Amino acid sequence: MSQWKNFSKGFFKENAVFVLLLGLCPTLGVTTSAFNGLGMGLATTFVLVGSNIVVSLIKSFIPDKVRIPSFIVIIASFVTIVELVMQAYVPDLFAALGLFIPLIVVNCLVLGRAEAFASKNNLVTSAIDGLGMGLGFSMALTILGAVREILGSGSIFGFKFIQGDGMIVFILAPGAFFALAYLVVIVNKINKKQA
């Protein structure tokens, strides 16, 4: 039952974006729309779950001196799989995310979970942790992308519901910081009420 506690941590209590403020480069870079945020979040979730599983399986075979480089190679393998699948099956999303897909390799959320959690726990617990943290990351990116898309262009997931243009600043880089700051405040207030 404690395994499922790790699953729920990724959504609010230890959300990578809203609480821990990890992985902000892709968070701010790709969340110009809800679709882009969801795509990046799901790609990162796949990498998190896969790398956590592999790290938990081979942790006892990796010498301490090469632990971090080994984790990076494992993560890079899963990122390559994601990149090739996206390029083949969702080329528009692949083009929109661009350079941020390979940067999943050095996302401190993924490497941090491999080092701090998967290398110290069993396969099932590591997989559940990766899934929870990944889905929490996906949720955060999708919400941030949706807020920016609604305010910036009056649409959500590409469906226009407001005539004319929105506040263009929310589609640009400064809008990402504004939207993220307000969402961090809201999540912190929710977490304080629950504590």
Protein backbone atom coordinates (compact mmCIF):
# COMPACT_ATOMS: atom_id res chain seq x y z
CA MET A 1 0.00 0.00 0.00
CA SER A 2 2.91 2.37 0.69
CA GLN A 3 3.90 1.93 -2.98
CA TRP A 4 0.80 3.86 -4.00
CA LYS A 5 1.78 6.71 -1.66
CA ASN A 6 4.74 7.28 -3.98
CA PHE A 7 2.35 7.39 -6.92
CA SER A 8 0.25 10.23 -5.51
CA LYS A 9 3.24 12.34 -4.36
CA GLY A 10 3.96 13.39 -7.95
CA PHE A 11 0.63 15.16 -8.35
CA PHE A 12 0.66 17.75 -5.57
CA LYS A 13 2.94 17.09 -2.60
CA GLU A 14 6.12 16.60 -4.66
CA ASN A 15 5.02 17.85 -8.09
CA ALA A 16 8.17 18.44 -10.11
CA VAL A 17 6.97 21.70 -11.66
CA PHE A 18 4.72 23.35 -9.10
CA VAL A 19 6.48 22.31 -5.86
CA LEU A 20 10.04 21.16 -6.56
CA LEU A 21 10.53 23.50 -9.56
CA LEU A 22 12.44 20.84 -11.51
CA GLY A 23 12.56 20.48 -15.26
CA LEU A 24 11.70 24.12 -15.89
CA CYS A 25 13.54 24.34 -19.23
CA PRO A 26 11.02 22.14 -21.11
CA THR A 27 8.21 23.40 -18.88
CA LEU A 28 8.66 26.99 -19.97
CA GLY A 29 9.85 26.20 -23.49
CA VAL A 30 7.19 23.86 -24.83
CA THR A 31 4.00 24.81 -23.00
CA THR A 32 2.74 27.28 -25.59
CA SER A 33 -0.24 24.95 -25.96
CA ALA A 34 -1.95 22.23 -23.94
CA PHE A 35 -1.19 19.67 -26.66
CA ASN A 36 2.54 20.41 -26.56
CA GLY A 37 2.54 20.22 -22.75
CA LEU A 38 0.71 16.90 -22.77
CA GLY A 39 3.03 15.48 -25.44
CA MET A 40 6.18 16.48 -23.57
CA GLY A 41 4.75 15.21 -20.28
CA LEU A 42 3.85 11.80 -21.70
CA ALA A 43 7.26 11.48 -23.38
CA THR A 44 8.95 12.26 -20.05
CA THR A 45 6.63 9.80 -18.26
CA PHE A 46 7.68 7.00 -20.61
CA VAL A 47 11.35 7.79 -20.02
CA LEU A 48 10.84 8.03 -16.23
CA VAL A 49 9.03 4.69 -15.96
CA GLY A 50 11.40 2.87 -18.30
CA SER A 51 14.59 4.21 -16.75
CA ASN A 52 13.32 3.62 -13.21
CA ILE A 53 12.55 -0.01 -14.07
CA VAL A 54 15.94 -0.66 -15.67
CA VAL A 55 17.88 1.14 -12.93
CA SER A 56 16.06 -0.81 -10.21
CA LEU A 57 16.85 -4.09 -12.02
CA ILE A 58 20.56 -3.52 -12.59
CA LYS A 59 21.47 -1.31 -9.60
CA SER A 60 23.52 -4.04 -7.89
CA PHE A 61 25.66 -4.56 -11.02
CA ILE A 62 26.68 -0.90 -11.45
CA PRO A 63 29.88 0.17 -9.65
CA ASP A 64 29.58 3.38 -7.61
CA LYS A 65 32.22 5.17 -9.72
CA VAL A 66 30.14 4.92 -12.89
CA ARG A 67 26.65 5.08 -11.39
CA ILE A 68 25.60 8.50 -12.77
CA PRO A 69 27.06 7.95 -16.28
CA SER A 70 25.32 4.57 -16.37
CA PHE A 71 22.01 6.16 -15.44
CA ILE A 72 22.47 8.78 -18.17
CA VAL A 73 23.09 6.06 -20.79
CA ILE A 74 19.93 4.22 -19.67
CA ILE A 75 17.89 7.44 -19.79
CA ALA A 76 19.35 8.37 -23.19
CA SER A 77 18.29 4.98 -24.57
CA PHE A 78 14.67 5.59 -23.60
CA VAL A 79 14.80 9.17 -24.94
CA THR A 80 16.04 7.81 -28.28
CA ILE A 81 13.07 5.42 -28.40
CA VAL A 82 10.66 8.30 -27.65
CA GLU A 83 12.32 10.52 -30.25
CA LEU A 84 12.13 7.89 -33.01
CA VAL A 85 8.51 6.95 -32.22
CA MET A 86 7.41 10.59 -32.13
CA GLN A 87 9.23 11.36 -35.38
CA ALA A 88 7.51 8.41 -37.07
CA TYR A 89 3.97 8.70 -35.68
CA VAL A 90 3.41 12.30 -34.52
CA PRO A 91 5.72 14.42 -36.69
CA ASP A 92 3.87 17.68 -35.93
CA LEU A 93 4.37 17.22 -32.19
CA PHE A 94 7.97 16.14 -32.82
CA ALA A 95 8.57 19.35 -34.78
CA ALA A 96 6.89 21.50 -32.10
CA LEU A 97 8.92 19.98 -29.24
CA GLY A 98 12.11 19.92 -31.28
CA LEU A 99 15.27 20.30 -29.23
CA PHE A 100 13.47 19.73 -25.94
CA ILE A 101 13.02 15.99 -26.61
CA PRO A 102 16.77 15.18 -26.44
CA LEU A 103 17.03 17.42 -23.39
CA ILE A 104 14.92 14.90 -21.44
CA VAL A 105 18.24 13.06 -20.98
CA VAL A 106 19.51 15.80 -18.67
CA ASN A 107 16.17 16.65 -17.07
CA CYS A 108 16.97 16.68 -13.37
CA LEU A 109 13.59 15.11 -12.58
CA VAL A 110 14.45 11.94 -14.53
CA LEU A 111 18.04 11.66 -13.33
CA GLY A 112 17.03 12.57 -9.78
CA ARG A 113 14.40 9.84 -9.58
CA ALA A 114 16.87 7.28 -10.97
CA GLU A 115 19.52 8.27 -8.42
CA ALA A 116 17.41 9.02 -5.36
CA PHE A 117 14.64 6.45 -5.75
CA ALA A 118 15.06 3.69 -8.36
CA SER A 119 18.62 2.87 -7.32
CA LYS A 120 17.39 2.18 -3.77
CA ASN A 121 14.05 0.43 -4.38
CA ASN A 122 12.59 -2.63 -6.09
CA LEU A 123 11.11 -2.84 -9.58
CA VAL A 124 7.41 -2.43 -8.70
CA THR A 125 7.96 0.50 -6.32
CA SER A 126 10.29 2.20 -8.83
CA ALA A 127 7.81 1.75 -11.69
CA ILE A 128 4.95 3.16 -9.60
CA ASP A 129 7.12 6.10 -8.51
CA GLY A 130 8.12 6.83 -12.12
CA LEU A 131 4.50 6.65 -13.26
CA GLY A 132 3.28 8.95 -10.48
CA MET A 133 6.02 11.53 -10.94
CA GLY A 134 5.65 11.36 -14.72
CA LEU A 135 1.88 11.78 -14.72
CA GLY A 136 2.22 14.64 -12.20
CA PHE A 137 4.73 16.26 -14.56
CA SER A 138 2.36 15.67 -17.50
CA MET A 139 -0.52 17.21 -15.55
CA ALA A 140 1.55 20.27 -14.68
CA LEU A 141 2.74 20.81 -18.27
CA THR A 142 -0.77 20.32 -19.65
CA ILE A 143 -2.30 22.77 -17.16
CA LEU A 144 0.40 25.36 -17.82
CA GLY A 145 0.04 24.87 -21.58
CA ALA A 146 -3.75 25.14 -21.34
CA VAL A 147 -3.59 28.37 -19.32
CA ARG A 148 -1.12 29.89 -21.76
CA GLU A 149 -3.14 28.75 -24.78
CA ILE A 150 -6.46 30.01 -23.38
CA LEU A 151 -5.07 33.40 -22.40
CA GLY A 152 -2.75 33.74 -25.39
CA SER A 153 -4.94 32.64 -28.27
CA GLY A 154 -8.42 31.94 -26.91
CA SER A 155 -8.29 28.22 -27.64
CA ILE A 156 -7.65 24.92 -25.90
CA PHE A 157 -6.10 21.87 -27.57
CA GLY A 158 -6.35 23.85 -30.81
CA PHE A 159 -10.13 24.44 -30.57
CA LYS A 160 -10.79 28.18 -30.83
CA PHE A 161 -13.58 29.39 -28.55
CA ILE A 162 -12.85 33.14 -28.40
CA GLN A 163 -12.91 35.29 -31.51
CA GLY A 164 -9.82 37.33 -32.27
CA ASP A 165 -6.46 37.17 -30.56
CA GLY A 166 -5.85 36.73 -26.87
CA MET A 167 -3.09 38.30 -24.84
CA ILE A 168 -0.11 37.42 -27.03
CA VAL A 169 2.32 37.82 -24.11
CA PHE A 170 1.14 34.44 -22.75
CA ILE A 171 2.31 32.65 -25.88
CA LEU A 172 5.73 34.29 -25.53
CA ALA A 173 8.45 33.48 -22.98
CA PRO A 174 7.45 36.12 -20.39
CA GLY A 175 3.92 34.69 -20.33
CA ALA A 176 5.33 31.31 -19.32
CA PHE A 177 6.90 32.86 -16.23
CA PHE A 178 3.71 34.78 -15.33
CA ALA A 179 1.46 31.74 -15.73
CA LEU A 180 3.86 29.44 -13.87
CA ALA A 181 4.20 31.89 -10.97
CA TYR A 182 0.43 32.10 -10.46
CA LEU A 183 0.00 28.33 -10.73
CA VAL A 184 2.80 27.76 -8.18
CA VAL A 185 1.00 30.10 -5.77
CA ILE A 186 -2.31 28.25 -6.25
CA VAL A 187 -0.73 24.81 -5.73
CA ASN A 188 1.15 26.02 -2.64
CA LYS A 189 -2.11 27.31 -1.14
CA ILE A 190 -3.80 23.97 -1.85
CA ASN A 191 -0.88 22.08 -0.26
CA LYS A 192 -0.98 24.30 2.85
CA LYS A 193 -4.72 23.67 3.29
CA GLN A 194 -4.18 19.92 3.02
CA ALA A 195 -1.28 19.90 5.50
